[in-house]
Amino acid sequence: MEKLKLLLGSRKFWAALIGLTFVCLQAWYPDFPVGEEELTNVIYLLAAYILGVAIEPRLNA
């Protein structure tokens, strides 16, 4: 139960879930109003955010 609380409180988890949601929406609904290039840019942005959040605690140590 503690692991689930930690997972749901993780900013990295939510960023990854948002990215996965966009990719799935684009795959299932090709008429989704976000273009392929825009979706790629969002995924890059989320990946950079996840890496930044992962590195942040190490910089403060």
Protein backbone atom coordinates (compact mmCIF):
# COMPACT_ATOMS: atom_id res chain seq x y z
CA MET A 1 0.00 0.00 0.00
CA GLU A 2 2.89 2.34 0.76
CA LYS A 3 4.36 1.78 -2.72
CA LEU A 4 1.05 2.73 -4.31
CA LYS A 5 0.94 5.97 -2.29
CA LEU A 6 4.48 6.79 -3.38
CA LEU A 7 3.64 6.00 -7.01
CA LEU A 8 0.52 8.18 -7.03
CA GLY A 9 2.49 11.03 -5.45
CA SER A 10 5.27 10.82 -8.02
CA ARG A 11 5.53 13.69 -10.51
CA LYS A 12 7.48 11.41 -12.86
CA PHE A 13 4.64 8.87 -12.85
CA TRP A 14 2.01 11.49 -13.71
CA ALA A 15 4.15 12.98 -16.48
CA ALA A 16 4.68 9.51 -17.99
CA LEU A 17 0.96 8.74 -17.70
CA ILE A 18 0.05 11.98 -19.50
CA GLY A 19 2.48 11.13 -22.29
CA LEU A 20 1.11 7.62 -22.60
CA THR A 21 -2.43 9.00 -22.73
CA PHE A 22 -1.55 11.33 -25.61
CA VAL A 23 0.15 8.53 -27.55
CA CYS A 24 -2.83 6.20 -27.04
CA LEU A 25 -5.33 8.87 -28.05
CA GLN A 26 -3.36 9.57 -31.22
CA ALA A 27 -3.21 5.84 -32.04
CA TRP A 28 -6.91 5.13 -31.40
CA TYR A 29 -8.31 8.39 -32.78
CA PRO A 30 -6.31 9.47 -35.83
CA ASP A 31 -8.48 12.60 -36.05
CA PHE A 32 -7.27 13.72 -32.62
CA PRO A 33 -6.58 17.48 -32.92
CA VAL A 34 -2.90 17.14 -31.99
CA GLY A 35 -0.63 16.57 -34.98
CA GLU A 36 2.17 14.03 -35.10
CA GLU A 37 4.91 16.67 -34.86
CA GLU A 38 3.19 18.40 -31.93
CA LEU A 39 2.76 15.07 -30.16
CA THR A 40 6.45 14.31 -30.64
CA ASN A 41 7.33 17.68 -29.13
CA VAL A 42 5.08 17.00 -26.12
CA ILE A 43 6.73 13.61 -25.59
CA TYR A 44 10.20 15.23 -25.76
CA LEU A 45 9.10 17.85 -23.26
CA LEU A 46 7.72 15.24 -20.86
CA ALA A 47 10.88 13.13 -21.18
CA ALA A 48 13.01 16.17 -20.35
CA TYR A 49 10.76 16.94 -17.37
CA ILE A 50 11.02 13.37 -16.07
CA LEU A 51 14.81 13.43 -16.38
CA GLY A 52 14.95 16.81 -14.66
CA VAL A 53 12.83 15.60 -11.76
CA ALA A 54 14.98 12.48 -11.48
CA ILE A 55 18.23 14.49 -11.41
CA GLU A 56 16.96 17.27 -9.11
CA PRO A 57 17.43 15.46 -5.75
CA ARG A 58 21.00 14.53 -6.67
CA LEU A 59 21.89 18.17 -7.34
CA ASN A 60 20.64 19.28 -3.93
CA ALA A 61 22.63 16.63 -2.06
